Amino acid sequence: MLNQFITHIRQQHLFPSGQQVLLAVSGGIDSVVLAHLMHQAGFPFAIAHCNFHLRAEDSDRDQLFVSQLAQRYHVPFHVAEFDTRQYADLNHLCIEDAARRLRYDYFFQLCQQHHYPAVLTAHHRDDSVETFFINLLRGTGLAGLHGILPVQGMVVRPLLPFGREQIEQYAAQHKLA
């Protein structure tokens, strides 16, 4: 998987070679595998984590886990804590939309402050297929009949060639928490 990952990034020119990029890491299997692949590939990166305080102590445990992951890889770590429920209420949003807005606003702010050329997320092929069908069910026109795009502005998704099963196998093979 590592060789495919490196080849995909280089062939598609997903982000500038040699420049430190920002990795969005939740602590879930997809983003942990992405961080491991980036580290193994030798690509320079920093980690950003958002604590939305939606799952009591579990949210704080995720934050600690991601902080320790950044320490293990010797990369910069950025964290933001949000009162997501209050933000959602004030802006008349569902929790998912509120978290998405908060997350991406924070990532873009970090990119400006630290001159990161891209934010990498761990969306994979199965996420893309799901997005395609959601768009289809919403009655989107031809322009909307696609899954998740590999590059959308500053957001880059280098795991799109891989399915959830491959990601889980990689995590197991490398004994990733």
N, C-alpha and C. Protein backbone atom coordinates (compact mmCIF):
# COMPACT_ATOMS: atom_id res chain seq x y z
N MET A 1 0.83 -1.20 0.00
CA MET A 1 0.00 0.00 0.00
C MET A 1 0.87 1.27 0.00
N LEU A 2 2.01 1.21 0.70
CA LEU A 2 2.88 2.38 0.78
C LEU A 2 3.36 2.80 -0.61
N ASN A 3 3.82 1.84 -1.42
CA ASN A 3 4.30 2.18 -2.76
C ASN A 3 3.20 2.77 -3.63
N GLN A 4 2.00 2.19 -3.54
CA GLN A 4 0.85 2.73 -4.30
C GLN A 4 0.54 4.15 -3.85
N PHE A 5 0.60 4.38 -2.55
CA PHE A 5 0.33 5.68 -1.96
C PHE A 5 1.30 6.73 -2.51
N ILE A 6 2.59 6.42 -2.45
CA ILE A 6 3.63 7.35 -2.93
C ILE A 6 3.45 7.60 -4.43
N THR A 7 3.25 6.54 -5.19
CA THR A 7 3.08 6.67 -6.64
C THR A 7 1.88 7.53 -6.97
N HIS A 8 0.77 7.30 -6.29
CA HIS A 8 -0.45 8.08 -6.52
C HIS A 8 -0.20 9.57 -6.27
N ILE A 9 0.44 9.90 -5.16
CA ILE A 9 0.70 11.30 -4.81
C ILE A 9 1.59 11.95 -5.86
N ARG A 10 2.62 11.24 -6.27
CA ARG A 10 3.56 11.82 -7.24
C ARG A 10 2.94 11.93 -8.63
N GLN A 11 2.24 10.89 -9.08
CA GLN A 11 1.65 10.93 -10.42
C GLN A 11 0.56 11.99 -10.53
N GLN A 12 -0.22 12.16 -9.47
CA GLN A 12 -1.32 13.12 -9.49
C GLN A 12 -0.90 14.52 -9.02
N HIS A 13 0.37 14.67 -8.59
CA HIS A 13 0.87 15.96 -8.09
C HIS A 13 -0.10 16.54 -7.05
N LEU A 14 -0.42 15.71 -6.05
CA LEU A 14 -1.44 16.09 -5.07
C LEU A 14 -1.03 17.24 -4.16
N PHE A 15 0.26 17.36 -3.88
CA PHE A 15 0.75 18.48 -3.09
C PHE A 15 2.22 18.70 -3.45
N PRO A 16 2.73 19.92 -3.20
CA PRO A 16 4.10 20.24 -3.58
C PRO A 16 5.13 19.37 -2.86
N SER A 17 6.05 18.85 -3.60
CA SER A 17 7.10 17.99 -3.06
C SER A 17 8.00 18.78 -2.11
N GLY A 18 8.27 18.19 -0.96
CA GLY A 18 9.20 18.79 -0.01
C GLY A 18 8.60 19.83 0.91
N GLN A 19 7.38 20.27 0.66
CA GLN A 19 6.74 21.26 1.53
C GLN A 19 5.91 20.55 2.59
N GLN A 20 5.96 21.08 3.80
CA GLN A 20 5.18 20.51 4.90
C GLN A 20 3.70 20.78 4.67
N VAL A 21 2.89 19.73 4.74
CA VAL A 21 1.44 19.84 4.59
C VAL A 21 0.77 19.59 5.94
N LEU A 22 -0.49 19.93 6.02
CA LEU A 22 -1.26 19.76 7.25
C LEU A 22 -2.14 18.52 7.13
N LEU A 23 -2.03 17.61 8.09
CA LEU A 23 -2.85 16.40 8.12
C LEU A 23 -3.96 16.57 9.14
N ALA A 24 -5.20 16.34 8.72
CA ALA A 24 -6.34 16.35 9.63
C ALA A 24 -6.43 14.96 10.25
N VAL A 25 -6.22 14.86 11.55
CA VAL A 25 -6.20 13.55 12.22
C VAL A 25 -7.22 13.55 13.36
N SER A 26 -8.22 12.68 13.21
CA SER A 26 -9.26 12.55 14.23
C SER A 26 -8.87 11.56 15.31
N GLY A 27 -8.02 10.61 14.94
CA GLY A 27 -7.68 9.51 15.83
C GLY A 27 -8.34 8.22 15.39
N GLY A 28 -9.19 8.29 14.37
CA GLY A 28 -9.81 7.10 13.80
C GLY A 28 -8.84 6.36 12.89
N ILE A 29 -9.23 5.17 12.50
CA ILE A 29 -8.34 4.30 11.73
C ILE A 29 -7.88 4.94 10.42
N ASP A 30 -8.76 5.63 9.70
CA ASP A 30 -8.40 6.20 8.41
C ASP A 30 -7.31 7.25 8.56
N SER A 31 -7.49 8.19 9.48
CA SER A 31 -6.51 9.27 9.62
C SER A 31 -5.21 8.77 10.26
N VAL A 32 -5.29 7.76 11.11
CA VAL A 32 -4.07 7.18 11.70
C VAL A 32 -3.25 6.48 10.62
N VAL A 33 -3.91 5.77 9.73
CA VAL A 33 -3.22 5.13 8.61
C VAL A 33 -2.61 6.19 7.70
N LEU A 34 -3.34 7.26 7.42
CA LEU A 34 -2.80 8.33 6.59
C LEU A 34 -1.53 8.91 7.23
N ALA A 35 -1.56 9.16 8.52
CA ALA A 35 -0.37 9.70 9.21
C ALA A 35 0.79 8.72 9.11
N HIS A 36 0.51 7.45 9.30
CA HIS A 36 1.57 6.43 9.22
C HIS A 36 2.16 6.37 7.81
N LEU A 37 1.31 6.39 6.81
CA LEU A 37 1.79 6.36 5.42
C LEU A 37 2.64 7.60 5.11
N MET A 38 2.20 8.75 5.55
CA MET A 38 2.97 9.98 5.32
C MET A 38 4.34 9.90 5.99
N HIS A 39 4.36 9.38 7.20
CA HIS A 39 5.61 9.23 7.94
C HIS A 39 6.53 8.23 7.24
N GLN A 40 5.98 7.08 6.87
CA GLN A 40 6.77 6.04 6.21
C GLN A 40 7.30 6.52 4.86
N ALA A 41 6.52 7.35 4.17
CA ALA A 41 6.92 7.85 2.86
C ALA A 41 7.96 8.98 2.97
N GLY A 42 8.08 9.54 4.15
CA GLY A 42 9.04 10.62 4.35
C GLY A 42 8.54 11.98 3.91
N PHE A 43 7.23 12.13 3.72
CA PHE A 43 6.67 13.43 3.36
C PHE A 43 6.58 14.29 4.62
N PRO A 44 7.01 15.53 4.57
CA PRO A 44 6.91 16.39 5.76
C PRO A 44 5.46 16.81 6.03
N PHE A 45 5.05 16.73 7.29
CA PHE A 45 3.68 17.08 7.64
C PHE A 45 3.58 17.55 9.08
N ALA A 46 2.48 18.22 9.36
CA ALA A 46 2.08 18.60 10.70
C ALA A 46 0.70 17.98 10.91
N ILE A 47 0.31 17.84 12.15
CA ILE A 47 -1.00 17.25 12.47
C ILE A 47 -1.89 18.29 13.11
N ALA A 48 -3.16 18.30 12.67
CA ALA A 48 -4.18 19.14 13.28
C ALA A 48 -5.31 18.24 13.77
N HIS A 49 -5.80 18.56 14.97
CA HIS A 49 -6.90 17.79 15.56
C HIS A 49 -7.94 18.76 16.10
N CYS A 50 -9.20 18.40 15.94
CA CYS A 50 -10.31 19.18 16.47
C CYS A 50 -11.01 18.38 17.55
N ASN A 51 -11.16 18.99 18.71
CA ASN A 51 -11.92 18.38 19.79
C ASN A 51 -13.26 19.11 19.85
N PHE A 52 -14.31 18.42 19.39
CA PHE A 52 -15.64 19.02 19.32
C PHE A 52 -16.42 18.87 20.62
N HIS A 53 -15.86 18.15 21.59
CA HIS A 53 -16.50 17.93 22.88
C HIS A 53 -17.92 17.39 22.73
N LEU A 54 -18.07 16.42 21.85
CA LEU A 54 -19.39 15.82 21.62
C LEU A 54 -19.52 14.44 22.27
N ARG A 55 -18.40 13.87 22.72
CA ARG A 55 -18.45 12.51 23.27
C ARG A 55 -17.78 12.43 24.64
N ALA A 56 -18.03 13.42 25.46
CA ALA A 56 -17.53 13.47 26.85
C ALA A 56 -16.04 13.14 26.91
N GLU A 57 -15.66 12.18 27.78
CA GLU A 57 -14.25 11.85 27.98
C GLU A 57 -13.60 11.25 26.73
N ASP A 58 -14.40 10.61 25.88
CA ASP A 58 -13.84 10.03 24.66
C ASP A 58 -13.21 11.09 23.76
N SER A 59 -13.80 12.27 23.71
CA SER A 59 -13.23 13.36 22.90
C SER A 59 -11.85 13.76 23.43
N ASP A 60 -11.73 13.83 24.75
CA ASP A 60 -10.45 14.19 25.35
C ASP A 60 -9.42 13.07 25.16
N ARG A 61 -9.85 11.83 25.22
CA ARG A 61 -8.93 10.70 24.97
C ARG A 61 -8.43 10.73 23.53
N ASP A 62 -9.32 11.05 22.59
CA ASP A 62 -8.89 11.16 21.19
C ASP A 62 -7.83 12.25 21.05
N GLN A 63 -8.06 13.38 21.69
CA GLN A 63 -7.10 14.48 21.62
C GLN A 63 -5.73 14.06 22.16
N LEU A 64 -5.73 13.38 23.29
CA LEU A 64 -4.47 12.90 23.88
C LEU A 64 -3.79 11.90 22.95
N PHE A 65 -4.57 10.98 22.39
CA PHE A 65 -4.02 9.97 21.48
C PHE A 65 -3.35 10.64 20.27
N VAL A 66 -4.02 11.61 19.67
CA VAL A 66 -3.48 12.28 18.48
C VAL A 66 -2.25 13.10 18.86
N SER A 67 -2.26 13.72 20.02
CA SER A 67 -1.09 14.46 20.51
C SER A 67 0.12 13.52 20.63
N GLN A 68 -0.11 12.35 21.19
CA GLN A 68 0.97 11.36 21.34
C GLN A 68 1.44 10.83 19.98
N LEU A 69 0.53 10.72 19.03
CA LEU A 69 0.89 10.30 17.68
C LEU A 69 1.84 11.34 17.05
N ALA A 70 1.52 12.61 17.20
CA ALA A 70 2.38 13.67 16.67
C ALA A 70 3.76 13.63 17.34
N GLN A 71 3.80 13.37 18.64
CA GLN A 71 5.08 13.25 19.35
C GLN A 71 5.89 12.07 18.82
N ARG A 72 5.21 10.95 18.58
CA ARG A 72 5.89 9.75 18.07
C ARG A 72 6.53 10.01 16.71
N TYR A 73 5.84 10.79 15.87
CA TYR A 73 6.36 11.08 14.53
C TYR A 73 7.23 12.35 14.50
N HIS A 74 7.36 13.01 15.65
CA HIS A 74 8.17 14.24 15.75
C HIS A 74 7.71 15.30 14.76
N VAL A 75 6.40 15.55 14.76
CA VAL A 75 5.82 16.56 13.85
C VAL A 75 5.05 17.58 14.68
N PRO A 76 4.90 18.79 14.16
CA PRO A 76 4.11 19.81 14.87
C PRO A 76 2.68 19.34 15.08
N PHE A 77 2.10 19.74 16.21
CA PHE A 77 0.74 19.37 16.56
C PHE A 77 -0.07 20.62 16.85
N HIS A 78 -1.22 20.73 16.21
CA HIS A 78 -2.14 21.83 16.41
C HIS A 78 -3.47 21.24 16.89
N VAL A 79 -4.08 21.90 17.87
CA VAL A 79 -5.36 21.41 18.36
C VAL A 79 -6.28 22.61 18.62
N ALA A 80 -7.55 22.39 18.33
CA ALA A 80 -8.59 23.39 18.65
C ALA A 80 -9.71 22.68 19.37
N GLU A 81 -10.25 23.35 20.37
CA GLU A 81 -11.39 22.82 21.11
C GLU A 81 -12.59 23.72 20.85
N PHE A 82 -13.72 23.10 20.59
CA PHE A 82 -14.92 23.84 20.22
C PHE A 82 -16.10 23.45 21.10
N ASP A 83 -16.98 24.42 21.32
CA ASP A 83 -18.30 24.14 21.89
C ASP A 83 -19.23 23.98 20.69
N THR A 84 -19.21 22.81 20.12
CA THR A 84 -19.89 22.55 18.85
C THR A 84 -21.40 22.68 18.98
N ARG A 85 -21.95 22.21 20.06
CA ARG A 85 -23.41 22.31 20.25
C ARG A 85 -23.87 23.77 20.28
N GLN A 86 -23.13 24.59 21.00
CA GLN A 86 -23.49 26.01 21.06
C GLN A 86 -23.36 26.66 19.68
N TYR A 87 -22.28 26.36 18.98
CA TYR A 87 -22.08 26.91 17.63
C TYR A 87 -23.23 26.47 16.71
N ALA A 88 -23.62 25.21 16.79
CA ALA A 88 -24.71 24.70 15.96
C ALA A 88 -26.01 25.43 16.27
N ASP A 89 -26.29 25.60 17.55
CA ASP A 89 -27.52 26.30 17.95
C ASP A 89 -27.53 27.75 17.48
N LEU A 90 -26.43 28.44 17.69
CA LEU A 90 -26.35 29.86 17.31
C LEU A 90 -26.47 30.07 15.80
N ASN A 91 -26.00 29.09 15.03
CA ASN A 91 -26.00 29.23 13.57
C ASN A 91 -27.08 28.40 12.89
N HIS A 92 -27.96 27.80 13.69
CA HIS A 92 -29.09 27.01 13.17
C HIS A 92 -28.59 25.91 12.22
N LEU A 93 -27.63 25.13 12.71
CA LEU A 93 -27.03 24.06 11.92
C LEU A 93 -27.20 22.74 12.65
N CYS A 94 -27.18 21.66 11.89
CA CYS A 94 -27.10 20.35 12.54
C CYS A 94 -25.66 20.19 13.04
N ILE A 95 -25.45 19.28 13.95
CA ILE A 95 -24.13 19.07 14.56
C ILE A 95 -23.08 18.77 13.49
N GLU A 96 -23.42 17.91 12.52
CA GLU A 96 -22.44 17.52 11.49
C GLU A 96 -21.99 18.73 10.68
N ASP A 97 -22.94 19.59 10.28
CA ASP A 97 -22.58 20.78 9.51
C ASP A 97 -21.77 21.76 10.36
N ALA A 98 -22.14 21.90 11.62
CA ALA A 98 -21.39 22.79 12.51
C ALA A 98 -19.95 22.30 12.66
N ALA A 99 -19.78 21.01 12.91
CA ALA A 99 -18.43 20.45 13.06
C ALA A 99 -17.62 20.61 11.78
N ARG A 100 -18.25 20.39 10.64
CA ARG A 100 -17.55 20.54 9.35
C ARG A 100 -17.07 21.97 9.16
N ARG A 101 -17.94 22.94 9.43
CA ARG A 101 -17.55 24.36 9.29
C ARG A 101 -16.41 24.73 10.22
N LEU A 102 -16.57 24.34 11.49
CA LEU A 102 -15.53 24.65 12.47
C LEU A 102 -14.19 24.02 12.07
N ARG A 103 -14.25 22.77 11.66
CA ARG A 103 -13.04 22.02 11.29
C ARG A 103 -12.32 22.69 10.12
N TYR A 104 -13.03 22.92 9.02
CA TYR A 104 -12.37 23.47 7.84
C TYR A 104 -11.94 24.92 8.04
N ASP A 105 -12.72 25.71 8.76
CA ASP A 105 -12.28 27.08 9.07
C ASP A 105 -10.96 27.05 9.84
N TYR A 106 -10.87 26.15 10.80
CA TYR A 106 -9.65 26.01 11.60
C TYR A 106 -8.48 25.56 10.72
N PHE A 107 -8.70 24.56 9.88
CA PHE A 107 -7.62 24.07 9.02
C PHE A 107 -7.11 25.16 8.08
N PHE A 108 -8.02 25.91 7.49
CA PHE A 108 -7.61 26.96 6.56
C PHE A 108 -6.87 28.09 7.29
N GLN A 109 -7.29 28.36 8.51
CA GLN A 109 -6.60 29.36 9.32
C GLN A 109 -5.16 28.90 9.60
N LEU A 110 -4.99 27.62 9.95
CA LEU A 110 -3.65 27.08 10.19
C LEU A 110 -2.79 27.16 8.93
N CYS A 111 -3.39 26.86 7.78
CA CYS A 111 -2.65 26.91 6.52
C CYS A 111 -2.13 28.32 6.25
N GLN A 112 -2.95 29.31 6.53
CA GLN A 112 -2.52 30.70 6.33
C GLN A 112 -1.41 31.06 7.31
N GLN A 113 -1.60 30.72 8.57
CA GLN A 113 -0.62 31.10 9.60
C GLN A 113 0.73 30.43 9.40
N HIS A 114 0.72 29.16 8.99
CA HIS A 114 1.95 28.38 8.92
C HIS A 114 2.41 28.07 7.50
N HIS A 115 1.72 28.63 6.54
CA HIS A 115 2.08 28.48 5.12
C HIS A 115 2.05 27.02 4.64
N TYR A 116 1.08 26.27 5.13
CA TYR A 116 0.88 24.91 4.62
C TYR A 116 0.16 25.04 3.28
N PRO A 117 0.65 24.37 2.24
CA PRO A 117 0.02 24.49 0.93
C PRO A 117 -1.25 23.64 0.77
N ALA A 118 -1.46 22.70 1.69
CA ALA A 118 -2.60 21.79 1.55
C ALA A 118 -3.00 21.20 2.90
N VAL A 119 -4.28 20.83 2.98
CA VAL A 119 -4.82 20.08 4.11
C VAL A 119 -5.16 18.69 3.59
N LEU A 120 -4.59 17.66 4.17
CA LEU A 120 -4.86 16.29 3.75
C LEU A 120 -5.88 15.66 4.68
N THR A 121 -6.91 15.08 4.08
CA THR A 121 -7.92 14.36 4.86
C THR A 121 -7.87 12.89 4.46
N ALA A 122 -8.44 12.05 5.28
CA ALA A 122 -8.34 10.60 5.10
C ALA A 122 -9.56 9.99 4.42
N HIS A 123 -10.26 10.76 3.61
CA HIS A 123 -11.37 10.17 2.86
C HIS A 123 -10.82 9.10 1.92
N HIS A 124 -11.55 8.00 1.79
CA HIS A 124 -11.08 6.89 0.96
C HIS A 124 -12.15 6.53 -0.08
N ARG A 125 -11.85 5.50 -0.86
CA ARG A 125 -12.72 5.13 -1.98
C ARG A 125 -14.16 4.87 -1.54
N ASP A 126 -14.37 4.20 -0.42
CA ASP A 126 -15.72 3.89 0.04
C ASP A 126 -16.50 5.16 0.39
N ASP A 127 -15.80 6.17 0.93
CA ASP A 127 -16.44 7.47 1.19
C ASP A 127 -16.89 8.11 -0.12
N SER A 128 -16.05 7.97 -1.14
CA SER A 128 -16.34 8.58 -2.44
C SER A 128 -17.57 7.94 -3.08
N VAL A 129 -17.67 6.63 -3.00
CA VAL A 129 -18.83 5.92 -3.56
C VAL A 129 -20.10 6.36 -2.83
N GLU A 130 -20.01 6.47 -1.53
CA GLU A 130 -21.16 6.90 -0.73
C GLU A 130 -21.60 8.31 -1.15
N THR A 131 -20.64 9.20 -1.35
CA THR A 131 -20.95 10.57 -1.77
C THR A 131 -21.63 10.58 -3.13
N PHE A 132 -21.17 9.75 -4.04
CA PHE A 132 -21.78 9.65 -5.37
C PHE A 132 -23.27 9.31 -5.25
N PHE A 133 -23.58 8.30 -4.45
CA PHE A 133 -24.97 7.87 -4.31
C PHE A 133 -25.82 8.91 -3.57
N ILE A 134 -25.23 9.59 -2.60
CA ILE A 134 -25.96 10.67 -1.92
C ILE A 134 -26.31 11.76 -2.92
N ASN A 135 -25.33 12.13 -3.75
CA ASN A 135 -25.58 13.15 -4.78
C ASN A 135 -26.65 12.69 -5.76
N LEU A 136 -26.61 11.42 -6.14
CA LEU A 136 -27.60 10.87 -7.06
C LEU A 136 -29.00 10.93 -6.45
N LEU A 137 -29.12 10.54 -5.19
CA LEU A 137 -30.42 10.56 -4.51
C LEU A 137 -30.95 11.98 -4.33
N ARG A 138 -30.06 12.94 -4.21
CA ARG A 138 -30.48 14.33 -4.07
C ARG A 138 -30.95 14.92 -5.39
N GLY A 139 -30.76 14.18 -6.47
CA GLY A 139 -31.20 14.66 -7.77
C GLY A 139 -30.27 15.68 -8.40
N THR A 140 -28.99 15.54 -8.11
CA THR A 140 -28.02 16.47 -8.67
C THR A 140 -27.97 16.35 -10.19
N GLY A 141 -27.54 17.39 -10.83
CA GLY A 141 -27.37 17.35 -12.28
C GLY A 141 -26.11 16.59 -12.64
N LEU A 142 -25.79 16.56 -13.92
CA LEU A 142 -24.60 15.83 -14.38
C LEU A 142 -23.33 16.31 -13.70
N ALA A 143 -23.23 17.61 -13.47
CA ALA A 143 -22.02 18.16 -12.85
C ALA A 143 -21.81 17.61 -11.43
N GLY A 144 -22.88 17.23 -10.76
CA GLY A 144 -22.77 16.74 -9.40
C GLY A 144 -22.63 15.24 -9.29
N LEU A 145 -22.65 14.55 -10.42
CA LEU A 145 -22.56 13.09 -10.39
C LEU A 145 -21.10 12.63 -10.34
N HIS A 146 -20.52 12.82 -9.20
CA HIS A 146 -19.16 12.34 -8.94
C HIS A 146 -19.05 12.06 -7.46
N GLY A 147 -18.03 11.33 -7.11
CA GLY A 147 -17.78 11.10 -5.70
C GLY A 147 -16.95 12.26 -5.15
N ILE A 148 -16.17 11.97 -4.16
CA ILE A 148 -15.31 12.98 -3.56
C ILE A 148 -14.16 13.25 -4.52
N LEU A 149 -13.86 14.51 -4.73
CA LEU A 149 -12.76 14.88 -5.62
C LEU A 149 -11.43 14.73 -4.89
N PRO A 150 -10.37 14.29 -5.58
CA PRO A 150 -9.07 14.13 -4.93
C PRO A 150 -8.46 15.45 -4.46
N VAL A 151 -8.73 16.52 -5.19
CA VAL A 151 -8.26 17.84 -4.80
C VAL A 151 -9.42 18.81 -4.98
N GLN A 152 -9.68 19.55 -3.93
CA GLN A 152 -10.76 20.55 -3.96
C GLN A 152 -10.22 21.78 -3.23
N GLY A 153 -9.70 22.73 -4.00
CA GLY A 153 -9.04 23.87 -3.39
C GLY A 153 -7.79 23.40 -2.68
N MET A 154 -7.69 23.71 -1.40
CA MET A 154 -6.52 23.30 -0.60
C MET A 154 -6.70 21.92 0.03
N VAL A 155 -7.86 21.33 -0.12
CA VAL A 155 -8.14 20.04 0.52
C VAL A 155 -7.74 18.91 -0.44
N VAL A 156 -6.88 18.03 0.06
CA VAL A 156 -6.34 16.92 -0.73
C VAL A 156 -6.69 15.61 -0.03
N ARG A 157 -7.10 14.63 -0.84
CA ARG A 157 -7.52 13.33 -0.29
C ARG A 157 -6.69 12.21 -0.92
N PRO A 158 -5.51 11.93 -0.37
CA PRO A 158 -4.60 10.96 -0.98
C PRO A 158 -4.99 9.49 -0.79
N LEU A 159 -6.00 9.20 0.01
CA LEU A 159 -6.41 7.80 0.22
C LEU A 159 -7.55 7.36 -0.70
N LEU A 160 -7.98 8.19 -1.63
CA LEU A 160 -9.11 7.83 -2.48
C LEU A 160 -8.91 6.55 -3.30
N PRO A 161 -7.68 6.18 -3.68
CA PRO A 161 -7.53 4.92 -4.42
C PRO A 161 -7.75 3.67 -3.55
N PHE A 162 -7.85 3.83 -2.24
CA PHE A 162 -7.90 2.69 -1.32
C PHE A 162 -9.27 2.55 -0.67
N GLY A 163 -9.69 1.31 -0.49
CA GLY A 163 -10.94 1.02 0.18
C GLY A 163 -10.75 0.80 1.66
N ARG A 164 -11.85 0.80 2.37
CA ARG A 164 -11.81 0.62 3.82
C ARG A 164 -11.13 -0.69 4.22
N GLU A 165 -11.39 -1.75 3.46
CA GLU A 165 -10.78 -3.05 3.78
C GLU A 165 -9.26 -2.98 3.69
N GLN A 166 -8.73 -2.33 2.65
CA GLN A 166 -7.28 -2.18 2.51
C GLN A 166 -6.70 -1.38 3.68
N ILE A 167 -7.40 -0.34 4.08
CA ILE A 167 -6.95 0.50 5.18
C ILE A 167 -6.92 -0.30 6.48
N GLU A 168 -7.96 -1.10 6.72
CA GLU A 168 -8.00 -1.93 7.92
C GLU A 168 -6.88 -2.98 7.91
N GLN A 169 -6.63 -3.58 6.75
CA GLN A 169 -5.55 -4.57 6.63
C GLN A 169 -4.19 -3.92 6.90
N TYR A 170 -3.99 -2.73 6.36
CA TYR A 170 -2.74 -2.01 6.58
C TYR A 170 -2.55 -1.72 8.07
N ALA A 171 -3.60 -1.23 8.73
CA ALA A 171 -3.53 -0.93 10.16
C ALA A 171 -3.19 -2.19 10.97
N ALA A 172 -3.82 -3.30 10.63
CA ALA A 172 -3.56 -4.55 11.34
C ALA A 172 -2.12 -5.03 11.10
N GLN A 173 -1.71 -4.96 9.85
CA GLN A 173 -0.35 -5.41 9.47
C GLN A 173 0.72 -4.61 10.22
N HIS A 174 0.48 -3.32 10.41
CA HIS A 174 1.46 -2.45 11.06
C HIS A 174 1.16 -2.22 12.54
N LYS A 175 0.16 -2.95 13.05
CA LYS A 175 -0.22 -2.88 14.46
C LYS A 175 -0.47 -1.44 14.92
N LEU A 176 -1.25 -0.72 14.12
CA LEU A 176 -1.58 0.66 14.45
C LEU A 176 -2.79 0.73 15.38
N ALA A 177 -2.69 1.57 16.38
CA ALA A 177 -3.80 1.74 17.33
C ALA A 177 -4.87 2.61 16.70
